[in-house]
Amino acid sequence: MGAMVAGIIGAVMVAIIGLIEMTGKLSPALPLLFSVTCTYVVI
C-alpha cells in the first residue's frame, strides 16, 4: 500500500510515516523504504 501511494501520489515520506503510524512498529519500515524507493525510481 505504501509503495502504491508513493508511486501514484508522489508522497514518499507520507507513505513511510503513514505505515509507521498505522502499525505502531518500526520493523516494516525498512522493506517499505526499499519498495517505495524502487517505485519512485521506476515511475
PDB file of N, CA and C in Angstrom:
ATOM      1  N   MET A   1       0.829  -1.177   0.000  1.00  0.00           N
ATOM      2  CA  MET A   1       0.000   0.000   0.000  1.00  0.00           C
ATOM      3  C   MET A   1       0.879   1.248   0.000  1.00  0.00           C
ATOM      4  N   GLY A   2       1.910   1.230   0.792  1.00  0.00           N
ATOM      5  CA  GLY A   2       2.781   2.394   0.860  1.00  0.00           C
ATOM      6  C   GLY A   2       3.508   2.667  -0.437  1.00  0.00           C
ATOM      7  N   ALA A   3       3.945   1.611  -1.104  1.00  0.00           N
ATOM      8  CA  ALA A   3       4.630   1.791  -2.381  1.00  0.00           C
ATOM      9  C   ALA A   3       3.672   2.318  -3.440  1.00  0.00           C
ATOM     10  N   MET A   4       2.428   1.860  -3.400  1.00  0.00           N
ATOM     11  CA  MET A   4       1.442   2.338  -4.368  1.00  0.00           C
ATOM     12  C   MET A   4       1.120   3.809  -4.132  1.00  0.00           C
ATOM     13  N   VAL A   5       0.962   4.198  -2.879  1.00  0.00           N
ATOM     14  CA  VAL A   5       0.687   5.604  -2.556  1.00  0.00           C
ATOM     15  C   VAL A   5       1.858   6.482  -2.988  1.00  0.00           C
ATOM     16  N   ALA A   6       3.057   6.017  -2.713  1.00  0.00           N
ATOM     17  CA  ALA A   6       4.235   6.805  -3.075  1.00  0.00           C
ATOM     18  C   ALA A   6       4.385   6.928  -4.583  1.00  0.00           C
ATOM     19  N   GLY A   7       4.030   5.880  -5.303  1.00  0.00           N
ATOM     20  CA  GLY A   7       4.161   5.923  -6.750  1.00  0.00           C
ATOM     21  C   GLY A   7       3.107   6.772  -7.423  1.00  0.00           C
ATOM     22  N   ILE A   8       1.868   6.656  -6.979  1.00  0.00           N
ATOM     23  CA  ILE A   8       0.770   7.362  -7.634  1.00  0.00           C
ATOM     24  C   ILE A   8       0.755   8.836  -7.249  1.00  0.00           C
ATOM     25  N   ILE A   9       0.831   9.113  -5.967  1.00  0.00           N
ATOM     26  CA  ILE A   9       0.729  10.488  -5.491  1.00  0.00           C
ATOM     27  C   ILE A   9       2.085  11.189  -5.501  1.00  0.00           C
ATOM     28  N   GLY A  10       3.143  10.429  -5.306  1.00  0.00           N
ATOM     29  CA  GLY A  10       4.470  11.022  -5.245  1.00  0.00           C
ATOM     30  C   GLY A  10       4.834  11.485  -3.845  1.00  0.00           C
ATOM     31  N   ALA A  11       4.077  11.041  -2.857  1.00  0.00           N
ATOM     32  CA  ALA A  11       4.318  11.437  -1.478  1.00  0.00           C
ATOM     33  C   ALA A  11       5.072  10.322  -0.764  1.00  0.00           C
ATOM     34  N   VAL A  12       6.387  10.346  -0.885  1.00  0.00           N
ATOM     35  CA  VAL A  12       7.213   9.273  -0.340  1.00  0.00           C
ATOM     36  C   VAL A  12       7.202   9.274   1.182  1.00  0.00           C
ATOM     37  N   MET A  13       7.453  10.423   1.770  1.00  0.00           N
ATOM     38  CA  MET A  13       7.518  10.483   3.232  1.00  0.00           C
ATOM     39  C   MET A  13       6.165  10.229   3.884  1.00  0.00           C
ATOM     40  N   VAL A  14       5.092  10.643   3.233  1.00  0.00           N
ATOM     41  CA  VAL A  14       3.754  10.397   3.766  1.00  0.00           C
ATOM     42  C   VAL A  14       3.470   8.904   3.813  1.00  0.00           C
ATOM     43  N   ALA A  15       3.904   8.163   2.805  1.00  0.00           N
ATOM     44  CA  ALA A  15       3.695   6.722   2.782  1.00  0.00           C
ATOM     45  C   ALA A  15       4.457   6.038   3.905  1.00  0.00           C
ATOM     46  N   ILE A  16       5.687   6.442   4.130  1.00  0.00           N
ATOM     47  CA  ILE A  16       6.504   5.818   5.176  1.00  0.00           C
ATOM     48  C   ILE A  16       5.969   6.173   6.557  1.00  0.00           C
ATOM     49  N   ILE A  17       5.697   7.430   6.787  1.00  0.00           N
ATOM     50  CA  ILE A  17       5.199   7.856   8.097  1.00  0.00           C
ATOM     51  C   ILE A  17       3.807   7.291   8.348  1.00  0.00           C
ATOM     52  N   GLY A  18       2.980   7.219   7.305  1.00  0.00           N
ATOM     53  CA  GLY A  18       1.638   6.650   7.457  1.00  0.00           C
ATOM     54  C   GLY A  18       1.679   5.198   7.875  1.00  0.00           C
ATOM     55  N   LEU A  19       2.593   4.405   7.296  1.00  0.00           N
ATOM     56  CA  LEU A  19       2.698   3.000   7.689  1.00  0.00           C
ATOM     57  C   LEU A  19       3.181   2.863   9.122  1.00  0.00           C
ATOM     58  N   ILE A  20       4.142   3.669   9.508  1.00  0.00           N
ATOM     59  CA  ILE A  20       4.638   3.607  10.890  1.00  0.00           C
ATOM     60  C   ILE A  20       3.529   3.995  11.863  1.00  0.00           C
ATOM     61  N   GLU A  21       2.736   4.995  11.510  1.00  0.00           N
ATOM     62  CA  GLU A  21       1.625   5.413  12.374  1.00  0.00           C
ATOM     63  C   GLU A  21       0.544   4.335  12.457  1.00  0.00           C
ATOM     64  N   MET A  22       0.242   3.686  11.343  1.00  0.00           N
ATOM     65  CA  MET A  22      -0.817   2.680  11.336  1.00  0.00           C
ATOM     66  C   MET A  22      -0.425   1.408  12.073  1.00  0.00           C
ATOM     67  N   THR A  23       0.826   0.969  11.915  1.00  0.00           N
ATOM     68  CA  THR A  23       1.244  -0.274  12.558  1.00  0.00           C
ATOM     69  C   THR A  23       1.763  -0.063  13.971  1.00  0.00           C
ATOM     70  N   GLY A  24       2.335   1.083  14.231  1.00  0.00           N
ATOM     71  CA  GLY A  24       2.905   1.336  15.557  1.00  0.00           C
ATOM     72  C   GLY A  24       4.256   0.680  15.757  1.00  0.00           C
ATOM     73  N   LYS A  25       4.853   0.171  14.687  1.00  0.00           N
ATOM     74  CA  LYS A  25       6.142  -0.506  14.767  1.00  0.00           C
ATOM     75  C   LYS A  25       7.092   0.062  13.731  1.00  0.00           C
ATOM     76  N   LEU A  26       8.377  -0.067  13.999  1.00  0.00           N
ATOM     77  CA  LEU A  26       9.372   0.373  13.030  1.00  0.00           C
ATOM     78  C   LEU A  26       9.904  -0.777  12.189  1.00  0.00           C
ATOM     79  N   SER A  27       9.554  -2.014  12.527  1.00  0.00           N
ATOM     80  CA  SER A  27      10.103  -3.166  11.798  1.00  0.00           C
ATOM     81  C   SER A  27       9.707  -3.223  10.325  1.00  0.00           C
ATOM     82  N   PRO A  28       8.482  -2.843   9.919  1.00  0.00           N
ATOM     83  CA  PRO A  28       8.186  -2.879   8.480  1.00  0.00           C
ATOM     84  C   PRO A  28       8.694  -1.656   7.716  1.00  0.00           C
ATOM     85  N   ALA A  29       9.377  -0.758   8.376  1.00  0.00           N
ATOM     86  CA  ALA A  29       9.809   0.480   7.720  1.00  0.00           C
ATOM     87  C   ALA A  29      10.921   0.233   6.702  1.00  0.00           C
ATOM     88  N   LEU A  30      11.834  -0.686   6.963  1.00  0.00           N
ATOM     89  CA  LEU A  30      12.938  -0.929   6.033  1.00  0.00           C
ATOM     90  C   LEU A  30      12.460  -1.560   4.718  1.00  0.00           C
ATOM     91  N   PRO A  31      11.626  -2.616   4.748  1.00  0.00           N
ATOM     92  CA  PRO A  31      11.118  -3.121   3.462  1.00  0.00           C
ATOM     93  C   PRO A  31      10.263  -2.094   2.728  1.00  0.00           C
ATOM     94  N   LEU A  32       9.515  -1.306   3.467  1.00  0.00           N
ATOM     95  CA  LEU A  32       8.712  -0.267   2.822  1.00  0.00           C
ATOM     96  C   LEU A  32       9.611   0.783   2.191  1.00  0.00           C
ATOM     97  N   LEU A  33      10.663   1.161   2.861  1.00  0.00           N
ATOM     98  CA  LEU A  33      11.595   2.144   2.313  1.00  0.00           C
ATOM     99  C   LEU A  33      12.210   1.639   1.013  1.00  0.00           C
ATOM    100  N   PHE A  34      12.547   0.369   0.973  1.00  0.00           N
ATOM    101  CA  PHE A  34      13.098  -0.218  -0.242  1.00  0.00           C
ATOM    102  C   PHE A  34      12.072  -0.229  -1.369  1.00  0.00           C
ATOM    103  N   SER A  35      10.846  -0.669  -1.076  1.00  0.00           N
ATOM    104  CA  SER A  35       9.826  -0.739  -2.118  1.00  0.00           C
ATOM    105  C   SER A  35       9.407   0.648  -2.599  1.00  0.00           C
ATOM    106  N   VAL A  36       9.326   1.604  -1.685  1.00  0.00           N
ATOM    107  CA  VAL A  36       8.977   2.975  -2.073  1.00  0.00           C
ATOM    108  C   VAL A  36      10.077   3.572  -2.946  1.00  0.00           C
ATOM    109  N   THR A  37      11.314   3.323  -2.608  1.00  0.00           N
ATOM    110  CA  THR A  37      12.421   3.832  -3.406  1.00  0.00           C
ATOM    111  C   THR A  37      12.407   3.240  -4.805  1.00  0.00           C
ATOM    112  N   CYS A  38      12.186   1.946  -4.893  1.00  0.00           N
ATOM    113  CA  CYS A  38      12.121   1.298  -6.213  1.00  0.00           C
ATOM    114  C   CYS A  38      10.964   1.832  -7.035  1.00  0.00           C
ATOM    115  N   THR A  39       9.814   1.998  -6.414  1.00  0.00           N
ATOM    116  CA  THR A  39       8.653   2.518  -7.123  1.00  0.00           C
ATOM    117  C   THR A  39       8.882   3.946  -7.584  1.00  0.00           C
ATOM    118  N   TYR A  40       9.459   4.757  -6.724  1.00  0.00           N
ATOM    119  CA  TYR A  40       9.693   6.157  -7.064  1.00  0.00           C
ATOM    120  C   TYR A  40      10.710   6.302  -8.188  1.00  0.00           C
ATOM    121  N   VAL A  41      11.696   5.417  -8.207  1.00  0.00           N
ATOM    122  CA  VAL A  41      12.717   5.471  -9.263  1.00  0.00           C
ATOM    123  C   VAL A  41      12.130   5.018 -10.598  1.00  0.00           C
ATOM    124  N   VAL A  42      11.300   4.001 -10.580  1.00  0.00           N
ATOM    125  CA  VAL A  42      10.723   3.474 -11.810  1.00  0.00           C
ATOM    126  C   VAL A  42       9.738   4.452 -12.430  1.00  0.00           C
ATOM    127  N   ILE A  43       8.927   5.061 -11.590  1.00  0.00           N
ATOM    128  CA  ILE A  43       7.913   5.984 -12.102  1.00  0.00           C
ATOM    129  C   ILE A  43       8.498   7.340 -12.150  1.00  0.00           C
TER     130      ILE A  43
END
